[in-house]
């Protein structure tokens, strides 16, 4: 029974160690984390990762730094989202959604 306690204690320590390590595997993830840090908005880091997948990363970081320097803005994340329309989108085939016609509509229309 003591071996089981030691194993479970070691396992819990291993899990705690894994939780502290970074799990960034792709460049857009690190860009998203950087944006969340610049804008001081850690709650929405998943949104910033998604945006860094769609938009040009250099322009996103530049816009975020510009907004972070302004002292008059209280909610920098919300202001960043509002000003996002000025940033250029990347043409990425995986990120575009295709409109599909449902099967029953195809039959009705004779497609």
Protein backbone atom coordinates (compact mmCIF):
# COMPACT_ATOMS: atom_id res chain seq x y z
CA UNK A 1 0.00 0.00 0.00
CA UNK A 2 2.93 2.33 0.68
CA UNK A 3 4.17 1.90 -2.88
CA UNK A 4 0.80 3.07 -4.15
CA UNK A 5 1.01 6.21 -2.01
CA UNK A 6 4.52 6.94 -3.30
CA UNK A 7 3.45 6.41 -6.89
CA UNK A 8 0.42 8.64 -6.54
CA UNK A 9 2.52 11.32 -4.80
CA UNK A 10 5.13 11.20 -7.56
CA UNK A 11 2.41 11.25 -10.18
CA UNK A 12 0.82 14.35 -8.66
CA UNK A 13 4.22 16.08 -8.63
CA UNK A 14 4.69 15.14 -12.28
CA UNK A 15 1.28 16.55 -13.18
CA UNK A 16 2.06 19.80 -11.35
CA UNK A 17 5.34 20.07 -13.27
CA UNK A 18 3.56 19.52 -16.60
CA UNK A 19 1.01 22.22 -15.80
CA UNK A 20 3.76 24.82 -15.38
CA UNK A 21 5.38 24.03 -18.73
CA UNK A 22 4.37 25.89 -21.87
CA UNK A 23 2.27 24.01 -24.38
CA UNK A 24 2.84 26.23 -27.39
CA UNK A 25 3.34 24.15 -30.51
CA UNK A 26 2.50 26.51 -33.37
CA UNK A 27 3.63 30.08 -34.17
CA UNK A 28 0.09 31.47 -34.09
CA UNK A 29 -0.28 30.24 -30.50
CA UNK A 30 2.73 32.20 -29.33
CA UNK A 31 1.49 35.28 -31.21
CA UNK A 32 -1.91 34.95 -29.54
CA UNK A 33 -0.31 34.69 -26.11
CA UNK A 34 1.84 37.71 -26.89
CA UNK A 35 -1.24 39.71 -27.89
CA UNK A 36 -3.03 38.74 -24.67
CA UNK A 37 0.02 39.82 -22.68
CA UNK A 38 0.41 43.14 -24.50
CA UNK A 39 -3.26 44.00 -24.11
CA UNK A 40 -3.34 42.69 -20.52
CA UNK A 41 -6.29 40.43 -21.35
CA UNK A 42 -5.38 36.88 -20.31
CA UNK A 43 -9.02 35.74 -20.16
CA UNK A 44 -9.39 35.98 -23.95
CA UNK A 45 -6.11 34.45 -25.09
CA UNK A 46 -7.94 31.81 -27.18
CA UNK A 47 -9.59 34.57 -29.19
CA UNK A 48 -6.23 36.20 -29.85
CA UNK A 49 -4.82 32.84 -31.00
CA UNK A 50 -7.68 32.48 -33.45
CA UNK A 51 -7.18 36.03 -34.71
CA UNK A 52 -3.46 35.45 -35.20
CA UNK A 53 -4.39 32.49 -37.38
CA UNK A 54 -6.60 34.65 -39.60
CA UNK A 55 -4.87 38.04 -39.65
CA UNK A 56 -1.33 39.20 -40.40
CA UNK A 57 0.66 38.72 -37.18
CA UNK A 58 2.98 41.70 -37.56
CA UNK A 59 0.08 44.06 -38.09
CA UNK A 60 -1.77 42.58 -35.09
CA UNK A 61 1.21 43.04 -32.81
CA UNK A 62 1.81 46.57 -34.08
CA UNK A 63 -1.82 47.53 -33.52
CA UNK A 64 -1.80 45.95 -30.03
CA UNK A 65 1.36 47.83 -29.02
CA UNK A 66 -0.10 51.07 -30.29
CA UNK A 67 -3.26 50.52 -28.23
CA UNK A 68 -1.29 49.42 -25.14
CA UNK A 69 0.71 52.67 -25.17
CA UNK A 70 -2.43 54.80 -24.94
CA UNK A 71 -3.15 55.63 -21.31
CA UNK A 72 -6.72 56.84 -21.85
CA UNK A 73 -8.08 53.42 -22.86
CA UNK A 74 -9.54 51.40 -19.98
CA UNK A 75 -10.43 48.15 -21.76
CA UNK A 76 -7.62 47.62 -24.24
CA UNK A 77 -8.90 44.24 -25.45
CA UNK A 78 -12.30 45.63 -26.43
CA UNK A 79 -10.72 48.62 -28.15
CA UNK A 80 -8.37 46.28 -30.03
CA UNK A 81 -11.32 44.23 -31.27
CA UNK A 82 -13.05 47.40 -32.42
CA UNK A 83 -9.97 48.56 -34.34
CA UNK A 84 -9.39 45.11 -35.86
CA UNK A 85 -11.13 46.05 -39.09
CA UNK A 86 -8.03 48.07 -40.08
CA UNK A 87 -5.83 44.94 -40.11
CA UNK A 88 -5.36 43.01 -43.34
CA UNK A 89 -6.67 39.43 -43.54
CA UNK A 90 -4.51 36.59 -44.82
CA UNK A 91 -5.81 34.52 -47.73
CA UNK A 92 -5.86 31.07 -46.18
CA UNK A 93 -7.80 28.26 -47.87
CA UNK A 94 -8.41 26.28 -44.66
CA UNK A 95 -10.04 29.21 -42.92
CA UNK A 96 -12.68 29.95 -45.53
CA UNK A 97 -16.00 28.25 -45.06
CA UNK A 98 -17.78 26.66 -47.95
CA UNK A 99 -21.52 26.98 -48.16
CA UNK A 100 -23.07 23.60 -48.58
CA UNK A 101 -26.49 22.92 -49.99
CA UNK A 102 -28.46 20.41 -47.98
CA UNK A 103 -29.30 17.12 -49.64
CA UNK A 104 -33.05 17.69 -49.66
CA UNK A 105 -32.57 21.10 -51.32
CA UNK A 106 -30.47 19.48 -54.01
CA UNK A 107 -33.25 17.01 -54.71
CA UNK A 108 -35.86 19.78 -54.79
CA UNK A 109 -33.84 21.92 -57.14
CA UNK A 110 -32.77 18.97 -59.29
CA UNK A 111 -29.05 19.55 -58.76
